[in-house]
Amino acid sequence: MKKIISALLAVMLLASAAALTAVQAEAFANKWEFDKDIEKFQANKSTLSFKDGSLVQTVVAEKDNTWLLSPNNLSIDTAKYKYLKIGVKNNTDAKSQFAIEATGTAKEKFAGKWCDLGSIPNDGQYHEYVVDLSKIADWQGTVNRFRLRVTAWKSAGTVEVAYIRLSDTGETAAKTEAAKPTTPASPATLDAGIVMAITAAVSAAGAVVIRRKY
């Protein structure tokens, strides 16, 4: 009888360990959900506003270099947090140019070594992009600030950003949370013109069409 009880306890312990592994929480260096405001993001040559739980960037046709600037002094451990996840909807008159650049200095200086990650279609739907930052040369050591471009140069209109998350996993929101997309999560095709050997920067899942927020 004791052997049977011991065997049952061993099975239960193994099952518990497996369950704990399965539900291990995703860790974030930073999460910007834009539930109440723009959360200290800034914009270059464009304006930011808050609307319905999203950061809204407004650009005008004659402007270029319309970057989104993260808050400063983030002290991101790049060895642990290697994935950027963004839920974004492009309402401009052109496919957006999707690019990122990071800096390790606290003086907000960027080296101009931004990486082109393809484009975001202007189809009026939210898409999630998962970027493997470890493929980007400047994502090393401690990163204090980063900037994103989610608008095409000299385009006009708005982009809506539902969230920006720096994560330790490359899983999409559809996989890591129980919520399901309102539209089938078929991969969206990024432009072939990804440069600077960053082809692998966007995860194999590519972009998926998502509802506004998971």
N, C-alpha and C. Protein backbone atom coordinates (compact mmCIF):
# COMPACT_ATOMS: atom_id res chain seq x y z
N MET A 1 0.83 -1.20 0.00
CA MET A 1 0.00 0.00 0.00
C MET A 1 0.87 1.26 0.00
N LYS A 2 1.96 1.21 0.85
CA LYS A 2 2.85 2.36 0.89
C LYS A 2 3.50 2.62 -0.46
N LYS A 3 3.83 1.54 -1.18
CA LYS A 3 4.44 1.70 -2.50
C LYS A 3 3.47 2.35 -3.47
N ILE A 4 2.20 1.97 -3.38
CA ILE A 4 1.19 2.56 -4.27
C ILE A 4 1.03 4.05 -3.98
N ILE A 5 0.96 4.40 -2.67
CA ILE A 5 0.82 5.80 -2.29
C ILE A 5 2.04 6.61 -2.75
N SER A 6 3.23 6.03 -2.57
CA SER A 6 4.47 6.71 -3.00
C SER A 6 4.47 6.95 -4.50
N ALA A 7 4.02 5.94 -5.25
CA ALA A 7 3.96 6.06 -6.71
C ALA A 7 2.98 7.15 -7.12
N LEU A 8 1.82 7.19 -6.46
CA LEU A 8 0.81 8.21 -6.76
C LEU A 8 1.34 9.60 -6.46
N LEU A 9 2.02 9.74 -5.33
CA LEU A 9 2.60 11.04 -4.97
C LEU A 9 3.64 11.48 -5.99
N ALA A 10 4.45 10.53 -6.46
CA ALA A 10 5.47 10.86 -7.46
C ALA A 10 4.83 11.34 -8.75
N VAL A 11 3.76 10.68 -9.17
CA VAL A 11 3.03 11.08 -10.38
C VAL A 11 2.44 12.47 -10.21
N MET A 12 1.87 12.73 -9.02
CA MET A 12 1.27 14.04 -8.77
C MET A 12 2.32 15.15 -8.78
N LEU A 13 3.49 14.86 -8.21
CA LEU A 13 4.56 15.86 -8.22
C LEU A 13 5.05 16.16 -9.62
N LEU A 14 5.18 15.12 -10.42
CA LEU A 14 5.60 15.32 -11.81
C LEU A 14 4.57 16.12 -12.58
N ALA A 15 3.29 15.81 -12.37
CA ALA A 15 2.22 16.54 -13.05
C ALA A 15 2.22 18.00 -12.64
N SER A 16 2.44 18.26 -11.33
CA SER A 16 2.47 19.63 -10.85
C SER A 16 3.63 20.40 -11.45
N ALA A 17 4.80 19.76 -11.54
CA ALA A 17 5.97 20.41 -12.13
C ALA A 17 5.74 20.74 -13.59
N ALA A 18 5.11 19.81 -14.32
CA ALA A 18 4.81 20.05 -15.73
C ALA A 18 3.84 21.20 -15.89
N ALA A 19 2.85 21.26 -15.01
CA ALA A 19 1.85 22.34 -15.08
C ALA A 19 2.49 23.70 -14.81
N LEU A 20 3.39 23.74 -13.81
CA LEU A 20 4.07 24.99 -13.50
C LEU A 20 4.92 25.47 -14.67
N THR A 21 5.59 24.52 -15.33
CA THR A 21 6.40 24.86 -16.50
C THR A 21 5.52 25.41 -17.62
N ALA A 22 4.35 24.78 -17.81
CA ALA A 22 3.47 25.16 -18.90
C ALA A 22 2.91 26.57 -18.73
N VAL A 23 2.69 26.99 -17.46
CA VAL A 23 2.08 28.29 -17.23
C VAL A 23 3.09 29.33 -16.77
N GLN A 24 4.37 29.06 -16.96
CA GLN A 24 5.39 30.02 -16.57
C GLN A 24 5.11 31.36 -17.23
N ALA A 25 5.05 32.38 -16.41
CA ALA A 25 4.62 33.69 -16.89
C ALA A 25 5.65 34.32 -17.82
N GLU A 26 5.15 35.02 -18.79
CA GLU A 26 6.00 35.83 -19.65
C GLU A 26 6.52 37.01 -18.85
N ALA A 27 7.80 37.32 -18.98
CA ALA A 27 8.39 38.44 -18.25
C ALA A 27 8.61 39.62 -19.20
N PHE A 28 8.44 40.82 -18.68
CA PHE A 28 8.60 42.03 -19.49
C PHE A 28 9.60 42.97 -18.83
N ALA A 29 10.46 43.56 -19.64
CA ALA A 29 11.31 44.64 -19.15
C ALA A 29 10.47 45.88 -18.97
N ASN A 30 9.62 46.13 -19.95
CA ASN A 30 8.69 47.27 -19.92
C ASN A 30 7.46 46.92 -20.74
N LYS A 31 6.34 47.46 -20.33
CA LYS A 31 5.09 47.33 -21.08
C LYS A 31 4.41 48.70 -21.12
N TRP A 32 4.07 49.13 -22.31
CA TRP A 32 3.31 50.36 -22.46
C TRP A 32 1.98 49.98 -23.10
N GLU A 33 0.91 50.04 -22.32
CA GLU A 33 -0.39 49.59 -22.79
C GLU A 33 -1.27 50.74 -23.26
N PHE A 34 -0.89 51.97 -22.94
CA PHE A 34 -1.62 53.17 -23.39
C PHE A 34 -3.10 53.11 -23.01
N ASP A 35 -3.36 52.66 -21.80
CA ASP A 35 -4.74 52.58 -21.33
C ASP A 35 -5.30 53.93 -20.91
N LYS A 36 -4.41 54.84 -20.45
CA LYS A 36 -4.89 56.12 -19.93
C LYS A 36 -4.25 57.33 -20.60
N ASP A 37 -3.02 57.16 -21.10
CA ASP A 37 -2.32 58.28 -21.71
C ASP A 37 -1.21 57.74 -22.61
N ILE A 38 -0.32 58.62 -23.09
CA ILE A 38 0.74 58.21 -24.02
C ILE A 38 1.99 57.72 -23.30
N GLU A 39 1.97 57.68 -21.99
CA GLU A 39 3.01 57.06 -21.16
C GLU A 39 4.42 57.56 -21.47
N LYS A 40 4.55 58.88 -21.56
CA LYS A 40 5.85 59.56 -21.68
C LYS A 40 6.56 59.30 -23.00
N PHE A 41 5.88 58.73 -23.98
CA PHE A 41 6.48 58.65 -25.32
C PHE A 41 6.52 60.05 -25.92
N GLN A 42 7.48 60.26 -26.81
CA GLN A 42 7.60 61.52 -27.52
C GLN A 42 7.63 61.23 -29.02
N ALA A 43 7.49 62.29 -29.81
CA ALA A 43 7.49 62.12 -31.26
C ALA A 43 8.38 63.16 -31.90
N ASN A 44 9.04 62.77 -32.98
CA ASN A 44 9.87 63.67 -33.76
C ASN A 44 9.12 64.06 -35.04
N LYS A 45 9.00 65.37 -35.28
CA LYS A 45 8.36 65.91 -36.48
C LYS A 45 6.94 65.38 -36.68
N SER A 46 6.23 65.19 -35.59
CA SER A 46 4.86 64.71 -35.62
C SER A 46 4.24 64.99 -34.25
N THR A 47 2.97 64.68 -34.09
CA THR A 47 2.31 64.93 -32.81
C THR A 47 1.71 63.65 -32.27
N LEU A 48 1.61 63.59 -30.94
CA LEU A 48 1.03 62.43 -30.28
C LEU A 48 -0.21 62.83 -29.50
N SER A 49 -1.15 61.92 -29.46
CA SER A 49 -2.36 62.13 -28.66
C SER A 49 -2.83 60.78 -28.15
N PHE A 50 -3.82 60.79 -27.29
CA PHE A 50 -4.37 59.57 -26.71
C PHE A 50 -5.84 59.46 -27.13
N LYS A 51 -6.22 58.23 -27.57
CA LYS A 51 -7.60 58.04 -27.99
C LYS A 51 -7.99 56.57 -27.79
N ASP A 52 -9.04 56.34 -27.03
CA ASP A 52 -9.65 55.01 -26.89
C ASP A 52 -8.63 53.91 -26.57
N GLY A 53 -7.71 54.18 -25.66
CA GLY A 53 -6.75 53.16 -25.25
C GLY A 53 -5.61 52.93 -26.21
N SER A 54 -5.30 53.91 -27.04
CA SER A 54 -4.17 53.80 -27.97
C SER A 54 -3.41 55.11 -28.03
N LEU A 55 -2.11 55.00 -28.29
CA LEU A 55 -1.30 56.16 -28.62
C LEU A 55 -1.52 56.44 -30.10
N VAL A 56 -1.81 57.69 -30.43
CA VAL A 56 -2.07 58.08 -31.82
C VAL A 56 -0.98 59.05 -32.28
N GLN A 57 -0.27 58.68 -33.35
CA GLN A 57 0.74 59.55 -33.94
C GLN A 57 0.17 60.14 -35.23
N THR A 58 0.21 61.47 -35.32
CA THR A 58 -0.29 62.16 -36.51
C THR A 58 0.88 62.75 -37.28
N VAL A 59 0.94 62.43 -38.57
CA VAL A 59 2.03 62.92 -39.43
C VAL A 59 1.43 63.71 -40.59
N VAL A 60 2.25 64.64 -41.11
CA VAL A 60 1.83 65.44 -42.27
C VAL A 60 2.77 65.17 -43.43
N ALA A 61 2.30 65.43 -44.64
CA ALA A 61 2.97 64.94 -45.85
C ALA A 61 4.39 65.45 -46.03
N GLU A 62 4.69 66.66 -45.59
CA GLU A 62 6.01 67.21 -45.89
C GLU A 62 7.08 66.82 -44.87
N LYS A 63 6.74 66.01 -43.87
CA LYS A 63 7.70 65.67 -42.83
C LYS A 63 8.30 64.28 -43.05
N ASP A 64 9.58 64.13 -42.68
CA ASP A 64 10.21 62.81 -42.67
C ASP A 64 10.85 62.61 -41.29
N ASN A 65 11.48 61.47 -41.08
CA ASN A 65 12.09 61.15 -39.78
C ASN A 65 11.08 61.28 -38.64
N THR A 66 9.91 60.76 -38.86
CA THR A 66 8.84 60.87 -37.86
C THR A 66 8.92 59.70 -36.87
N TRP A 67 9.91 59.76 -36.01
CA TRP A 67 10.15 58.69 -35.06
C TRP A 67 9.25 58.78 -33.84
N LEU A 68 8.96 57.62 -33.24
CA LEU A 68 8.41 57.54 -31.89
C LEU A 68 9.56 57.29 -30.93
N LEU A 69 9.67 58.10 -29.90
CA LEU A 69 10.78 57.98 -28.96
C LEU A 69 10.27 57.43 -27.63
N SER A 70 10.91 56.37 -27.16
CA SER A 70 10.51 55.78 -25.89
C SER A 70 10.94 56.69 -24.74
N PRO A 71 10.40 56.47 -23.54
CA PRO A 71 10.95 57.17 -22.37
C PRO A 71 12.44 56.84 -22.22
N ASN A 72 13.16 57.68 -21.52
CA ASN A 72 14.60 57.52 -21.36
C ASN A 72 14.93 56.77 -20.08
N ASN A 73 16.21 56.39 -19.94
CA ASN A 73 16.74 55.73 -18.75
C ASN A 73 15.97 54.44 -18.41
N LEU A 74 15.75 53.61 -19.41
CA LEU A 74 14.99 52.37 -19.21
C LEU A 74 15.83 51.25 -18.60
N SER A 75 17.14 51.29 -18.81
CA SER A 75 18.06 50.26 -18.27
C SER A 75 17.60 48.85 -18.63
N ILE A 76 17.41 48.60 -19.92
CA ILE A 76 16.92 47.30 -20.39
C ILE A 76 18.08 46.31 -20.48
N ASP A 77 17.92 45.17 -19.85
CA ASP A 77 18.90 44.09 -19.92
C ASP A 77 18.68 43.34 -21.23
N THR A 78 19.51 43.63 -22.22
CA THR A 78 19.28 43.06 -23.55
C THR A 78 19.58 41.57 -23.62
N ALA A 79 20.33 41.05 -22.66
CA ALA A 79 20.61 39.61 -22.64
C ALA A 79 19.34 38.82 -22.30
N LYS A 80 18.43 39.43 -21.57
CA LYS A 80 17.20 38.76 -21.16
C LYS A 80 16.01 39.14 -22.03
N TYR A 81 15.89 40.42 -22.33
CA TYR A 81 14.70 40.91 -23.05
C TYR A 81 15.06 41.18 -24.50
N LYS A 82 14.69 40.23 -25.36
CA LYS A 82 15.16 40.24 -26.74
C LYS A 82 14.05 40.42 -27.76
N TYR A 83 12.83 40.64 -27.30
CA TYR A 83 11.72 40.71 -28.25
C TYR A 83 10.89 41.96 -28.01
N LEU A 84 10.64 42.67 -29.09
CA LEU A 84 9.73 43.80 -29.05
C LEU A 84 8.42 43.39 -29.71
N LYS A 85 7.31 43.67 -29.03
CA LYS A 85 5.99 43.35 -29.57
C LYS A 85 5.19 44.64 -29.66
N ILE A 86 4.60 44.86 -30.80
CA ILE A 86 3.83 46.08 -31.00
C ILE A 86 2.53 45.74 -31.71
N GLY A 87 1.44 46.28 -31.19
CA GLY A 87 0.14 46.18 -31.86
C GLY A 87 -0.16 47.53 -32.48
N VAL A 88 -0.28 47.58 -33.81
CA VAL A 88 -0.37 48.88 -34.49
C VAL A 88 -1.34 48.83 -35.65
N LYS A 89 -2.03 49.95 -35.86
CA LYS A 89 -2.94 50.10 -37.00
C LYS A 89 -2.51 51.32 -37.80
N ASN A 90 -2.33 51.14 -39.10
CA ASN A 90 -1.86 52.20 -39.98
C ASN A 90 -3.03 52.82 -40.73
N ASN A 91 -3.31 54.10 -40.41
CA ASN A 91 -4.39 54.83 -41.09
C ASN A 91 -3.86 55.89 -42.05
N THR A 92 -2.57 55.83 -42.39
CA THR A 92 -2.01 56.84 -43.27
C THR A 92 -2.31 56.50 -44.73
N ASP A 93 -1.81 57.35 -45.62
CA ASP A 93 -2.08 57.15 -47.05
C ASP A 93 -1.03 56.27 -47.73
N ALA A 94 -0.19 55.59 -46.94
CA ALA A 94 0.85 54.74 -47.52
C ALA A 94 1.18 53.60 -46.57
N LYS A 95 1.75 52.53 -47.12
CA LYS A 95 2.29 51.49 -46.26
C LYS A 95 3.38 52.11 -45.38
N SER A 96 3.36 51.78 -44.10
CA SER A 96 4.34 52.36 -43.18
C SER A 96 5.70 51.70 -43.33
N GLN A 97 6.74 52.48 -43.09
CA GLN A 97 8.08 51.93 -42.99
C GLN A 97 8.32 51.60 -41.52
N PHE A 98 8.63 50.37 -41.23
CA PHE A 98 8.78 49.89 -39.86
C PHE A 98 10.26 49.76 -39.56
N ALA A 99 10.76 50.55 -38.62
CA ALA A 99 12.19 50.56 -38.33
C ALA A 99 12.41 50.77 -36.84
N ILE A 100 13.59 50.38 -36.36
CA ILE A 100 13.93 50.52 -34.94
C ILE A 100 15.39 50.87 -34.79
N GLU A 101 15.70 51.64 -33.76
CA GLU A 101 17.08 51.94 -33.40
C GLU A 101 17.17 52.05 -31.89
N ALA A 102 18.26 51.60 -31.31
CA ALA A 102 18.45 51.62 -29.85
C ALA A 102 19.70 52.40 -29.49
N THR A 103 19.74 52.91 -28.26
CA THR A 103 20.93 53.59 -27.77
C THR A 103 21.19 53.19 -26.32
N GLY A 104 22.46 53.04 -25.98
CA GLY A 104 22.82 52.69 -24.61
C GLY A 104 23.15 53.90 -23.76
N THR A 105 23.19 55.09 -24.38
CA THR A 105 23.53 56.28 -23.62
C THR A 105 22.27 56.91 -23.05
N ALA A 106 22.44 57.61 -21.95
CA ALA A 106 21.31 58.30 -21.33
C ALA A 106 21.12 59.70 -21.90
N LYS A 107 21.95 60.08 -22.88
CA LYS A 107 21.89 61.42 -23.44
C LYS A 107 21.05 61.49 -24.71
N GLU A 108 20.29 60.42 -24.96
CA GLU A 108 19.32 60.38 -26.05
C GLU A 108 19.96 60.46 -27.43
N LYS A 109 21.23 60.11 -27.54
CA LYS A 109 21.90 60.18 -28.84
C LYS A 109 21.78 58.84 -29.56
N PHE A 110 21.40 58.91 -30.82
CA PHE A 110 21.31 57.72 -31.67
C PHE A 110 22.38 57.81 -32.74
N ALA A 111 22.90 56.65 -33.12
CA ALA A 111 24.02 56.62 -34.05
C ALA A 111 23.59 56.65 -35.52
N GLY A 112 22.30 56.62 -35.77
CA GLY A 112 21.82 56.61 -37.14
C GLY A 112 21.91 55.24 -37.78
N LYS A 113 22.04 54.19 -36.98
CA LYS A 113 22.15 52.82 -37.50
C LYS A 113 20.80 52.10 -37.37
N TRP A 114 19.76 52.76 -37.79
CA TRP A 114 18.43 52.15 -37.67
C TRP A 114 18.29 50.95 -38.60
N CYS A 115 17.44 50.04 -38.23
CA CYS A 115 17.24 48.81 -38.99
C CYS A 115 15.84 48.79 -39.60
N ASP A 116 15.79 48.58 -40.89
CA ASP A 116 14.53 48.53 -41.62
C ASP A 116 13.92 47.15 -41.44
N LEU A 117 12.68 47.09 -40.95
CA LEU A 117 12.02 45.82 -40.68
C LEU A 117 10.85 45.55 -41.61
N GLY A 118 10.77 46.27 -42.72
CA GLY A 118 9.69 46.01 -43.66
C GLY A 118 8.64 47.09 -43.62
N SER A 119 7.36 46.70 -43.68
CA SER A 119 6.29 47.70 -43.73
C SER A 119 5.05 47.22 -43.00
N ILE A 120 4.19 48.16 -42.69
CA ILE A 120 2.91 47.89 -42.03
C ILE A 120 1.81 48.31 -43.00
N PRO A 121 0.95 47.41 -43.43
CA PRO A 121 -0.07 47.76 -44.43
C PRO A 121 -1.08 48.78 -43.89
N ASN A 122 -1.55 49.65 -44.77
CA ASN A 122 -2.57 50.62 -44.37
C ASN A 122 -3.95 50.06 -44.70
N ASP A 123 -4.32 49.01 -43.96
CA ASP A 123 -5.57 48.30 -44.22
C ASP A 123 -6.63 48.53 -43.15
N GLY A 124 -6.34 49.46 -42.20
CA GLY A 124 -7.34 49.76 -41.19
C GLY A 124 -7.53 48.69 -40.14
N GLN A 125 -6.58 47.75 -40.01
CA GLN A 125 -6.67 46.70 -39.01
C GLN A 125 -5.44 46.73 -38.11
N TYR A 126 -5.63 46.28 -36.87
CA TYR A 126 -4.49 46.15 -35.98
C TYR A 126 -3.71 44.89 -36.33
N HIS A 127 -2.38 45.04 -36.35
CA HIS A 127 -1.48 43.92 -36.57
C HIS A 127 -0.50 43.86 -35.41
N GLU A 128 -0.11 42.66 -35.03
CA GLU A 128 0.98 42.53 -34.07
C GLU A 128 2.25 42.12 -34.81
N TYR A 129 3.35 42.82 -34.47
CA TYR A 129 4.66 42.47 -34.98
C TYR A 129 5.53 42.05 -33.81
N VAL A 130 6.26 40.95 -33.97
CA VAL A 130 7.19 40.46 -32.96
C VAL A 130 8.58 40.52 -33.57
N VAL A 131 9.44 41.35 -33.00
CA VAL A 131 10.77 41.58 -33.55
C VAL A 131 11.82 40.95 -32.65
N ASP A 132 12.67 40.10 -33.22
CA ASP A 132 13.78 39.51 -32.49
C ASP A 132 14.92 40.53 -32.45
N LEU A 133 15.03 41.25 -31.36
CA LEU A 133 16.00 42.33 -31.25
C LEU A 133 17.44 41.84 -31.17
N SER A 134 17.63 40.56 -30.84
CA SER A 134 19.00 40.04 -30.74
C SER A 134 19.70 40.02 -32.09
N LYS A 135 18.93 40.15 -33.17
CA LYS A 135 19.52 40.19 -34.51
C LYS A 135 19.99 41.59 -34.89
N ILE A 136 19.73 42.55 -34.01
CA ILE A 136 20.09 43.94 -34.30
C ILE A 136 21.37 44.28 -33.54
N ALA A 137 22.34 44.80 -34.24
CA ALA A 137 23.68 44.99 -33.68
C ALA A 137 23.68 45.84 -32.41
N ASP A 138 22.87 46.90 -32.35
CA ASP A 138 22.91 47.81 -31.21
C ASP A 138 22.14 47.30 -30.00
N TRP A 139 21.48 46.14 -30.14
CA TRP A 139 20.73 45.60 -29.00
C TRP A 139 21.68 44.73 -28.17
N GLN A 140 22.49 45.38 -27.37
CA GLN A 140 23.47 44.68 -26.55
C GLN A 140 23.77 45.53 -25.32
N GLY A 141 24.29 44.86 -24.27
CA GLY A 141 24.56 45.58 -23.04
C GLY A 141 23.27 46.09 -22.42
N THR A 142 23.30 47.32 -21.97
CA THR A 142 22.11 47.96 -21.39
C THR A 142 21.60 49.03 -22.34
N VAL A 143 20.37 48.92 -22.74
CA VAL A 143 19.75 49.92 -23.62
C VAL A 143 18.89 50.86 -22.77
N ASN A 144 19.10 52.15 -22.94
CA ASN A 144 18.36 53.13 -22.15
C ASN A 144 17.18 53.73 -22.90
N ARG A 145 17.24 53.69 -24.22
CA ARG A 145 16.15 54.28 -25.00
C ARG A 145 16.13 53.65 -26.38
N PHE A 146 14.97 53.62 -26.99
CA PHE A 146 14.87 53.16 -28.37
C PHE A 146 13.88 54.06 -29.10
N ARG A 147 13.95 53.99 -30.41
CA ARG A 147 12.98 54.74 -31.21
C ARG A 147 12.46 53.85 -32.32
N LEU A 148 11.22 54.08 -32.66
CA LEU A 148 10.53 53.31 -33.69
C LEU A 148 10.00 54.24 -34.75
N ARG A 149 10.03 53.77 -35.99
CA ARG A 149 9.32 54.49 -37.04
C ARG A 149 8.24 53.57 -37.56
N VAL A 150 7.00 53.98 -37.43
CA VAL A 150 5.87 53.19 -37.92
C VAL A 150 5.05 53.97 -38.93
N THR A 151 5.65 55.00 -39.50
CA THR A 151 5.02 55.77 -40.58
C THR A 151 5.97 55.87 -41.75
N ALA A 152 5.43 55.94 -42.94
CA ALA A 152 6.27 56.12 -44.14
C ALA A 152 6.77 57.56 -44.21
N TRP A 153 7.92 57.74 -44.80
CA TRP A 153 8.45 59.09 -44.96
C TRP A 153 7.49 59.92 -45.81
N LYS A 154 7.18 61.10 -45.30
CA LYS A 154 6.35 62.09 -46.00
C LYS A 154 4.95 61.57 -46.31
N SER A 155 4.47 60.65 -45.50
CA SER A 155 3.07 60.23 -45.62
C SER A 155 2.22 61.13 -44.73
N ALA A 156 0.90 61.01 -44.85
CA ALA A 156 -0.02 61.83 -44.06
C ALA A 156 -1.09 60.96 -43.44
N GLY A 157 -1.49 61.32 -42.22
CA GLY A 157 -2.55 60.56 -41.56
C GLY A 157 -2.14 60.19 -40.14
N THR A 158 -2.69 59.09 -39.64
CA THR A 158 -2.40 58.67 -38.27
C THR A 158 -2.05 57.19 -38.22
N VAL A 159 -1.30 56.83 -37.19
CA VAL A 159 -1.12 55.43 -36.81
C VAL A 159 -1.55 55.30 -35.35
N GLU A 160 -2.18 54.19 -35.03
CA GLU A 160 -2.64 53.95 -33.67
C GLU A 160 -1.86 52.77 -33.09
N VAL A 161 -1.24 52.99 -31.95
CA VAL A 161 -0.43 51.96 -31.30
C VAL A 161 -1.17 51.49 -30.05
N ALA A 162 -1.59 50.23 -30.03
CA ALA A 162 -2.35 49.69 -28.90
C ALA A 162 -1.44 49.34 -27.74
N TYR A 163 -0.22 48.87 -28.04
CA TYR A 163 0.73 48.52 -26.98
C TYR A 163 2.12 48.36 -27.58
N ILE A 164 3.12 48.51 -26.73
CA ILE A 164 4.51 48.20 -27.03
C ILE A 164 5.04 47.43 -25.83
N ARG A 165 5.62 46.25 -26.06
CA ARG A 165 6.08 45.40 -24.96
C ARG A 165 7.48 44.88 -25.26
N LEU A 166 8.34 44.92 -24.26
CA LEU A 166 9.67 44.33 -24.37
C LEU A 166 9.66 43.06 -23.55
N SER A 167 9.79 41.92 -24.22
CA SER A 167 9.50 40.63 -23.61
C SER A 167 10.70 39.68 -23.67
N ASP A 168 10.61 38.62 -22.85
CA ASP A 168 11.63 37.58 -22.88
C ASP A 168 11.23 36.39 -23.75
N THR A 169 10.10 36.49 -24.42
CA THR A 169 9.66 35.40 -25.30
C THR A 169 9.20 35.95 -26.64
N GLY A 170 9.39 35.15 -27.67
CA GLY A 170 8.99 35.56 -29.02
C GLY A 170 7.60 35.11 -29.41
N GLU A 171 6.86 34.54 -28.45
CA GLU A 171 5.50 34.11 -28.76
C GLU A 171 4.62 35.33 -29.06
N THR A 172 3.66 35.14 -29.95
CA THR A 172 2.71 36.22 -30.22
C THR A 172 1.70 36.32 -29.11
N ALA A 173 1.03 37.45 -29.03
CA ALA A 173 0.01 37.64 -28.00
C ALA A 173 -1.08 36.58 -28.13
N ALA A 174 -1.38 36.20 -29.36
CA ALA A 174 -2.42 35.19 -29.58
C ALA A 174 -2.05 33.85 -28.97
N LYS A 175 -0.74 33.59 -28.85
CA LYS A 175 -0.28 32.32 -28.30
C LYS A 175 -0.07 32.39 -26.79
N THR A 176 0.32 33.57 -26.30
CA THR A 176 0.67 33.67 -24.89
C THR A 176 -0.50 34.04 -24.00
N GLU A 177 -1.59 34.47 -24.57
CA GLU A 177 -2.76 34.82 -23.78
C GLU A 177 -3.98 34.11 -24.34
N ALA A 178 -5.01 34.02 -23.52
CA ALA A 178 -6.18 33.22 -23.90
C ALA A 178 -7.02 33.87 -24.98
N ALA A 179 -6.96 35.20 -25.08
CA ALA A 179 -7.80 35.89 -26.06
C ALA A 179 -7.46 35.46 -27.47
N LYS A 180 -8.46 35.42 -28.33
CA LYS A 180 -8.28 35.01 -29.71
C LYS A 180 -8.48 36.19 -30.65
N PRO A 181 -7.78 36.20 -31.80
CA PRO A 181 -7.98 37.28 -32.75
C PRO A 181 -9.41 37.28 -33.28
N THR A 182 -9.92 38.46 -33.57
CA THR A 182 -11.25 38.54 -34.16
C THR A 182 -11.18 38.21 -35.66
N THR A 183 -9.97 38.28 -36.23
CA THR A 183 -9.75 37.91 -37.62
C THR A 183 -8.74 36.77 -37.63
N PRO A 184 -8.87 35.78 -38.51
CA PRO A 184 -7.92 34.66 -38.52
C PRO A 184 -6.48 35.14 -38.54
N ALA A 185 -5.64 34.51 -37.74
CA ALA A 185 -4.26 34.95 -37.58
C ALA A 185 -3.37 34.41 -38.68
N SER A 186 -3.67 34.76 -39.89
CA SER A 186 -2.84 34.32 -41.02
C SER A 186 -1.64 35.25 -41.12
N PRO A 187 -0.45 34.72 -41.46
CA PRO A 187 0.74 35.56 -41.52
C PRO A 187 0.58 36.67 -42.55
N ALA A 188 1.01 37.86 -42.18
CA ALA A 188 1.04 38.98 -43.13
C ALA A 188 2.43 39.06 -43.72
N THR A 189 2.53 39.39 -44.98
CA THR A 189 3.82 39.39 -45.66
C THR A 189 4.52 40.73 -45.47
N LEU A 190 5.74 40.68 -44.98
CA LEU A 190 6.54 41.88 -44.89
C LEU A 190 7.26 42.09 -46.22
N ASP A 191 7.59 43.33 -46.52
CA ASP A 191 8.29 43.63 -47.76
C ASP A 191 9.60 42.86 -47.85
N ALA A 192 9.98 42.51 -49.06
CA ALA A 192 11.22 41.76 -49.25
C ALA A 192 12.46 42.62 -49.02
N GLY A 193 12.28 43.94 -49.01
CA GLY A 193 13.43 44.83 -48.91
C GLY A 193 13.94 45.04 -47.51
N ILE A 194 14.01 43.99 -46.69
CA ILE A 194 14.58 44.10 -45.35
C ILE A 194 16.09 44.13 -45.50
N VAL A 195 16.73 45.13 -44.91
CA VAL A 195 18.14 45.38 -45.17
C VAL A 195 18.98 45.12 -43.93
N MET A 196 20.30 45.27 -44.08
CA MET A 196 21.27 45.17 -42.99
C MET A 196 21.21 43.81 -42.30
N ALA A 197 20.98 42.75 -43.09
CA ALA A 197 20.97 41.38 -42.56
C ALA A 197 20.01 41.21 -41.39
N ILE A 198 18.86 41.87 -41.45
CA ILE A 198 17.88 41.78 -40.38
C ILE A 198 16.70 40.93 -40.82
N THR A 199 16.90 40.10 -41.83
CA THR A 199 15.83 39.25 -42.32
C THR A 199 15.20 38.44 -41.20
N ALA A 200 16.03 37.97 -40.25
CA ALA A 200 15.53 37.14 -39.16
C ALA A 200 14.99 37.96 -38.00
N ALA A 201 15.01 39.29 -38.10
CA ALA A 201 14.60 40.11 -36.97
C ALA A 201 13.11 39.98 -36.68
N VAL A 202 12.32 39.79 -37.71
CA VAL A 202 10.90 39.58 -37.49
C VAL A 202 10.69 38.09 -37.34
N SER A 203 9.97 37.69 -36.30
CA SER A 203 9.85 36.27 -35.97
C SER A 203 9.18 35.50 -37.07
N ALA A 204 9.35 34.18 -37.03
CA ALA A 204 8.78 33.31 -38.05
C ALA A 204 7.28 33.44 -38.14
N ALA A 205 6.67 33.87 -37.04
CA ALA A 205 5.21 34.06 -37.05
C ALA A 205 4.81 35.24 -37.91
N GLY A 206 5.78 36.11 -38.20
CA GLY A 206 5.48 37.29 -38.99
C GLY A 206 4.53 38.19 -38.23
N ALA A 207 3.61 38.80 -38.93
CA ALA A 207 2.61 39.65 -38.30
C ALA A 207 1.29 38.93 -38.35
N VAL A 208 0.51 39.10 -37.32
CA VAL A 208 -0.83 38.52 -37.33
C VAL A 208 -1.85 39.62 -37.15
N VAL A 209 -2.98 39.45 -37.75
CA VAL A 209 -4.07 40.40 -37.58
C VAL A 209 -4.69 40.13 -36.22
N ILE A 210 -4.81 41.18 -35.42
CA ILE A 210 -5.30 41.02 -34.06
C ILE A 210 -6.44 41.98 -33.79
N ARG A 211 -7.17 41.72 -32.72
CA ARG A 211 -8.09 42.75 -32.27
C ARG A 211 -7.29 43.82 -31.57
N ARG A 212 -7.88 44.91 -31.13
CA ARG A 212 -7.13 46.05 -30.65
C ARG A 212 -6.18 45.73 -29.51
N LYS A 213 -6.60 44.90 -28.56
CA LYS A 213 -5.76 44.68 -27.39
C LYS A 213 -5.99 43.28 -26.86
N TYR A 214 -4.89 42.61 -26.48
CA TYR A 214 -4.98 41.33 -25.77
C TYR A 214 -4.83 41.61 -24.29
